[in-house]
Amino acid sequence: MPKPSKRLKKPYIADPSEVIITRDGDSADIDYRDSKVGGVRLQIGPDIMRMSDEEILDRHNQVLLAREKTIADYVHEAVEIPLGRPQVEYSELCDQWVPRGDVLRCVIHDEDGRRAVIEIDDKEFTLEEFGTMLTTFSGWGMRIVFVPEDELAKQPDIVIRAPED
């Protein structure tokens, strides 16, 4: 049985009764009374000394509105690395393998009939190594489409229906 998610809900536009605001130097910590919602540290600067809690909350809500607008205007184009070019590279900065694009063509093998191995660019990754690579996209969503090994470069037709239909 899957574990319940421990991930906090995203901050939302709030009214003063829904948050607790504390100041820390030039920043304000905005904590939601609902413990399932993540808090925010808002860097304001020296003006914070003259601002009321309501003005701080207004600034916080303006940031959230700007974020919503940016998200609404964003058009995502998933970049797929051309065949023959490396899809992953080792990052010294992260000390791990990272995808170079947004699409990974890979083949699933099993080791000893029990352990999955993910092959990308003739490199084999354990599930743990592959999972670590996926953290590069933490906060994003993911769709996995299974295709025959010889059709990795083809965009498959996707039919939406239950398997038993």
C-alpha atoms as a PDB file:
ATOM      1  CA  MET A   1       0.000   0.000   0.000  1.00  0.00           C
ATOM      2  CA  PRO A   2       1.467   3.410  -0.961  1.00  0.00           C
ATOM      3  CA  LYS A   3       2.527   5.716   1.841  1.00  0.00           C
ATOM      4  CA  PRO A   4       0.541   8.934   2.210  1.00  0.00           C
ATOM      5  CA  SER A   5       2.309  11.948   0.748  1.00  0.00           C
ATOM      6  CA  LYS A   6       4.413  13.976   3.189  1.00  0.00           C
ATOM      7  CA  ARG A   7       4.743  16.779   0.666  1.00  0.00           C
ATOM      8  CA  LEU A   8       3.288  20.046   1.884  1.00  0.00           C
ATOM      9  CA  LYS A   9       0.618  21.869  -0.096  1.00  0.00           C
ATOM     10  CA  LYS A  10       1.762  24.973  -1.947  1.00  0.00           C
ATOM     11  CA  PRO A  11       1.224  28.369  -0.333  1.00  0.00           C
ATOM     12  CA  TYR A  12      -1.929  30.114  -1.481  1.00  0.00           C
ATOM     13  CA  ILE A  13      -3.314  33.657  -1.420  1.00  0.00           C
ATOM     14  CA  ALA A  14      -4.309  34.094   2.187  1.00  0.00           C
ATOM     15  CA  ASP A  15      -6.072  36.506   4.472  1.00  0.00           C
ATOM     16  CA  PRO A  16      -4.600  37.571   7.835  1.00  0.00           C
ATOM     17  CA  SER A  17      -6.563  34.968   9.804  1.00  0.00           C
ATOM     18  CA  GLU A  18      -4.877  32.131   7.871  1.00  0.00           C
ATOM     19  CA  VAL A  19      -1.221  32.996   8.552  1.00  0.00           C
ATOM     20  CA  ILE A  20       1.280  33.877  11.239  1.00  0.00           C
ATOM     21  CA  ILE A  21       3.891  36.445  10.225  1.00  0.00           C
ATOM     22  CA  THR A  22       7.209  36.825  12.014  1.00  0.00           C
ATOM     23  CA  ARG A  23      10.109  39.052  11.105  1.00  0.00           C
ATOM     24  CA  ASP A  24      13.733  37.990  10.941  1.00  0.00           C
ATOM     25  CA  GLY A  25      16.029  40.828   9.914  1.00  0.00           C
ATOM     26  CA  ASP A  26      15.070  41.932   6.393  1.00  0.00           C
ATOM     27  CA  SER A  27      12.824  38.894   5.855  1.00  0.00           C
ATOM     28  CA  ALA A  28       9.352  37.819   6.884  1.00  0.00           C
ATOM     29  CA  ASP A  29       8.394  34.226   7.632  1.00  0.00           C
ATOM     30  CA  ILE A  30       4.827  33.527   6.590  1.00  0.00           C
ATOM     31  CA  ASP A  31       3.521  30.337   8.151  1.00  0.00           C
ATOM     32  CA  TYR A  32       0.051  29.045   7.419  1.00  0.00           C
ATOM     33  CA  ARG A  33      -2.077  27.977  10.372  1.00  0.00           C
ATOM     34  CA  ASP A  34      -2.879  24.847   8.339  1.00  0.00           C
ATOM     35  CA  SER A  35       0.186  22.665   9.028  1.00  0.00           C
ATOM     36  CA  LYS A  36      -0.315  20.887   5.681  1.00  0.00           C
ATOM     37  CA  VAL A  37       0.648  24.080   3.803  1.00  0.00           C
ATOM     38  CA  GLY A  38       4.307  25.015   3.361  1.00  0.00           C
ATOM     39  CA  GLY A  39       5.563  28.294   4.752  1.00  0.00           C
ATOM     40  CA  VAL A  40       7.386  31.064   2.922  1.00  0.00           C
ATOM     41  CA  ARG A  41      10.401  33.226   3.720  1.00  0.00           C
ATOM     42  CA  LEU A  42       9.894  36.522   1.935  1.00  0.00           C
ATOM     43  CA  GLN A  43      13.002  38.681   1.504  1.00  0.00           C
ATOM     44  CA  ILE A  44      11.815  42.275   1.757  1.00  0.00           C
ATOM     45  CA  GLY A  45      14.765  44.444   2.755  1.00  0.00           C
ATOM     46  CA  PRO A  46      14.989  47.385   5.177  1.00  0.00           C
ATOM     47  CA  ASP A  47      11.417  48.527   4.351  1.00  0.00           C
ATOM     48  CA  ILE A  48      10.188  45.669   6.512  1.00  0.00           C
ATOM     49  CA  MET A  49      10.677  47.819   9.630  1.00  0.00           C
ATOM     50  CA  ARG A  50       7.909  50.209   8.483  1.00  0.00           C
ATOM     51  CA  MET A  51       5.508  47.555   7.174  1.00  0.00           C
ATOM     52  CA  SER A  52       2.471  46.186   8.956  1.00  0.00           C
ATOM     53  CA  ASP A  53       1.676  42.460   8.906  1.00  0.00           C
ATOM     54  CA  GLU A  54      -1.109  43.203   6.433  1.00  0.00           C
ATOM     55  CA  GLU A  55       1.312  44.995   4.081  1.00  0.00           C
ATOM     56  CA  ILE A  56       3.688  42.044   4.296  1.00  0.00           C
ATOM     57  CA  LEU A  57       0.833  39.661   3.534  1.00  0.00           C
ATOM     58  CA  ASP A  58      -0.224  41.860   0.592  1.00  0.00           C
ATOM     59  CA  ARG A  59       3.315  41.633  -0.805  1.00  0.00           C
ATOM     60  CA  HIS A  60       3.273  37.848  -0.305  1.00  0.00           C
ATOM     61  CA  ASN A  61      -0.068  37.570  -2.107  1.00  0.00           C
ATOM     62  CA  GLN A  62       1.263  39.749  -4.973  1.00  0.00           C
ATOM     63  CA  VAL A  63       4.201  37.360  -5.371  1.00  0.00           C
ATOM     64  CA  LEU A  64       1.792  34.412  -5.549  1.00  0.00           C
ATOM     65  CA  LEU A  65      -0.386  36.216  -8.129  1.00  0.00           C
ATOM     66  CA  ALA A  66       2.702  36.953 -10.246  1.00  0.00           C
ATOM     67  CA  ARG A  67       3.735  33.292 -10.008  1.00  0.00           C
ATOM     68  CA  GLU A  68       0.255  32.169 -11.099  1.00  0.00           C
ATOM     69  CA  LYS A  69       0.414  34.495 -14.103  1.00  0.00           C
ATOM     70  CA  THR A  70       3.857  33.215 -15.075  1.00  0.00           C
ATOM     71  CA  ILE A  71       2.621  29.629 -14.837  1.00  0.00           C
ATOM     72  CA  ALA A  72      -0.508  30.420 -16.882  1.00  0.00           C
ATOM     73  CA  ASP A  73       1.593  32.072 -19.622  1.00  0.00           C
ATOM     74  CA  TYR A  74       4.212  29.288 -19.725  1.00  0.00           C
ATOM     75  CA  VAL A  75       4.137  26.970 -22.743  1.00  0.00           C
ATOM     76  CA  HIS A  76       6.274  23.889 -22.172  1.00  0.00           C
ATOM     77  CA  GLU A  77       8.216  22.341 -25.005  1.00  0.00           C
ATOM     78  CA  ALA A  78       9.819  19.087 -23.943  1.00  0.00           C
ATOM     79  CA  VAL A  79      13.335  18.924 -25.408  1.00  0.00           C
ATOM     80  CA  GLU A  80      14.396  15.519 -26.704  1.00  0.00           C
ATOM     81  CA  ILE A  81      18.092  15.039 -27.414  1.00  0.00           C
ATOM     82  CA  PRO A  82      18.664  13.832 -31.007  1.00  0.00           C
ATOM     83  CA  LEU A  83      19.564  10.191 -31.616  1.00  0.00           C
ATOM     84  CA  GLY A  84      23.294   9.588 -31.365  1.00  0.00           C
ATOM     85  CA  ARG A  85      23.857  12.457 -28.922  1.00  0.00           C
ATOM     86  CA  PRO A  86      24.232  11.820 -25.156  1.00  0.00           C
ATOM     87  CA  GLN A  87      20.956  12.107 -23.251  1.00  0.00           C
ATOM     88  CA  VAL A  88      22.636  12.159 -19.830  1.00  0.00           C
ATOM     89  CA  GLU A  89      25.842  13.622 -18.479  1.00  0.00           C
ATOM     90  CA  TYR A  90      27.693  13.395 -15.220  1.00  0.00           C
ATOM     91  CA  SER A  91      27.529  16.609 -13.228  1.00  0.00           C
ATOM     92  CA  GLU A  92      30.494  17.248 -10.957  1.00  0.00           C
ATOM     93  CA  LEU A  93      28.479  19.999  -9.259  1.00  0.00           C
ATOM     94  CA  CYS A  94      25.667  17.593  -8.313  1.00  0.00           C
ATOM     95  CA  ASP A  95      27.896  14.509  -8.076  1.00  0.00           C
ATOM     96  CA  GLN A  96      25.352  12.527 -10.092  1.00  0.00           C
ATOM     97  CA  TRP A  97      24.131  11.777 -13.596  1.00  0.00           C
ATOM     98  CA  VAL A  98      21.617  14.310 -14.942  1.00  0.00           C
ATOM     99  CA  PRO A  99      19.385  14.371 -18.031  1.00  0.00           C
ATOM    100  CA  ARG A 100      20.438  16.844 -20.740  1.00  0.00           C
ATOM    101  CA  GLY A 101      16.874  17.228 -22.014  1.00  0.00           C
ATOM    102  CA  ASP A 102      13.296  16.644 -20.892  1.00  0.00           C
ATOM    103  CA  VAL A 103      12.766  13.289 -22.616  1.00  0.00           C
ATOM    104  CA  LEU A 104      14.700  10.099 -21.839  1.00  0.00           C
ATOM    105  CA  ARG A 105      14.725   7.123 -24.189  1.00  0.00           C
ATOM    106  CA  CYS A 106      15.635   4.108 -22.076  1.00  0.00           C
ATOM    107  CA  VAL A 107      15.372   0.344 -21.976  1.00  0.00           C
ATOM    108  CA  ILE A 108      14.426  -1.686 -18.911  1.00  0.00           C
ATOM    109  CA  HIS A 109      16.440  -4.833 -18.160  1.00  0.00           C
ATOM    110  CA  ASP A 110      16.378  -7.068 -15.163  1.00  0.00           C
ATOM    111  CA  GLU A 111      19.339  -8.332 -13.233  1.00  0.00           C
ATOM    112  CA  ASP A 112      18.944 -11.821 -11.777  1.00  0.00           C
ATOM    113  CA  GLY A 113      15.288 -11.735 -12.858  1.00  0.00           C
ATOM    114  CA  ARG A 114      14.508  -9.437  -9.909  1.00  0.00           C
ATOM    115  CA  ARG A 115      16.300  -6.080  -9.995  1.00  0.00           C
ATOM    116  CA  ALA A 116      15.406  -3.515 -12.636  1.00  0.00           C
ATOM    117  CA  VAL A 117      18.250  -1.868 -14.522  1.00  0.00           C
ATOM    118  CA  ILE A 118      17.593   1.198 -16.668  1.00  0.00           C
ATOM    119  CA  GLU A 119      19.829   1.553 -19.745  1.00  0.00           C
ATOM    120  CA  ILE A 120      20.353   5.012 -21.218  1.00  0.00           C
ATOM    121  CA  ASP A 121      23.030   5.662 -23.866  1.00  0.00           C
ATOM    122  CA  ASP A 122      24.587   2.221 -23.268  1.00  0.00           C
ATOM    123  CA  LYS A 123      25.019   3.076 -19.567  1.00  0.00           C
ATOM    124  CA  GLU A 124      23.246   0.971 -16.972  1.00  0.00           C
ATOM    125  CA  PHE A 125      21.652   2.627 -13.935  1.00  0.00           C
ATOM    126  CA  THR A 126      20.209   0.910 -10.894  1.00  0.00           C
ATOM    127  CA  LEU A 127      16.738   2.001  -9.833  1.00  0.00           C
ATOM    128  CA  GLU A 128      18.360   4.046  -7.059  1.00  0.00           C
ATOM    129  CA  GLU A 129      20.717   5.790  -9.510  1.00  0.00           C
ATOM    130  CA  PHE A 130      17.849   6.410 -11.912  1.00  0.00           C
ATOM    131  CA  GLY A 131      15.688   7.754  -9.086  1.00  0.00           C
ATOM    132  CA  THR A 132      18.484  10.095  -8.037  1.00  0.00           C
ATOM    133  CA  MET A 133      18.723  11.320 -11.633  1.00  0.00           C
ATOM    134  CA  LEU A 134      14.984  12.065 -11.578  1.00  0.00           C
ATOM    135  CA  THR A 135      15.438  14.421  -8.605  1.00  0.00           C
ATOM    136  CA  THR A 136      16.796  16.881 -11.184  1.00  0.00           C
ATOM    137  CA  PHE A 137      13.104  17.443 -11.993  1.00  0.00           C
ATOM    138  CA  SER A 138      11.839  17.565  -8.419  1.00  0.00           C
ATOM    139  CA  GLY A 139       8.598  19.533  -8.371  1.00  0.00           C
ATOM    140  CA  TRP A 140       7.718  18.559 -11.948  1.00  0.00           C
ATOM    141  CA  GLY A 141       5.348  15.874 -13.174  1.00  0.00           C
ATOM    142  CA  MET A 142       6.265  12.889 -15.300  1.00  0.00           C
ATOM    143  CA  ARG A 143       4.537  10.702 -17.880  1.00  0.00           C
ATOM    144  CA  ILE A 144       5.984   7.304 -18.660  1.00  0.00           C
ATOM    145  CA  VAL A 145       5.106   5.680 -21.977  1.00  0.00           C
ATOM    146  CA  PHE A 146       6.233   2.091 -22.517  1.00  0.00           C
ATOM    147  CA  VAL A 147       7.113   1.212 -26.114  1.00  0.00           C
ATOM    148  CA  PRO A 148       8.863  -1.713 -27.823  1.00  0.00           C
ATOM    149  CA  GLU A 149      12.656  -1.425 -27.573  1.00  0.00           C
ATOM    150  CA  ASP A 150      13.012  -0.847 -31.318  1.00  0.00           C
ATOM    151  CA  GLU A 151      10.521   2.069 -31.251  1.00  0.00           C
ATOM    152  CA  LEU A 152      12.216   4.305 -28.675  1.00  0.00           C
ATOM    153  CA  ALA A 153      12.587   7.177 -31.141  1.00  0.00           C
ATOM    154  CA  LYS A 154       8.952   7.063 -32.328  1.00  0.00           C
ATOM    155  CA  GLN A 155       6.179   9.116 -30.766  1.00  0.00           C
ATOM    156  CA  PRO A 156       3.490   6.490 -30.052  1.00  0.00           C
ATOM    157  CA  ASP A 157      -0.218   7.046 -30.520  1.00  0.00           C
ATOM    158  CA  ILE A 158      -1.775   7.312 -27.089  1.00  0.00           C
ATOM    159  CA  VAL A 159      -5.327   6.006 -26.600  1.00  0.00           C
ATOM    160  CA  ILE A 160      -7.134   6.959 -23.404  1.00  0.00           C
ATOM    161  CA  ARG A 161      -9.179   4.031 -22.088  1.00  0.00           C
ATOM    162  CA  ALA A 162      -9.105   1.462 -19.316  1.00  0.00           C
ATOM    163  CA  PRO A 163      -7.055  -1.656 -20.242  1.00  0.00           C
ATOM    164  CA  GLU A 164     -10.110  -3.901 -19.997  1.00  0.00           C
ATOM    165  CA  ASP A 165     -12.189  -1.803 -22.479  1.00  0.00           C
END
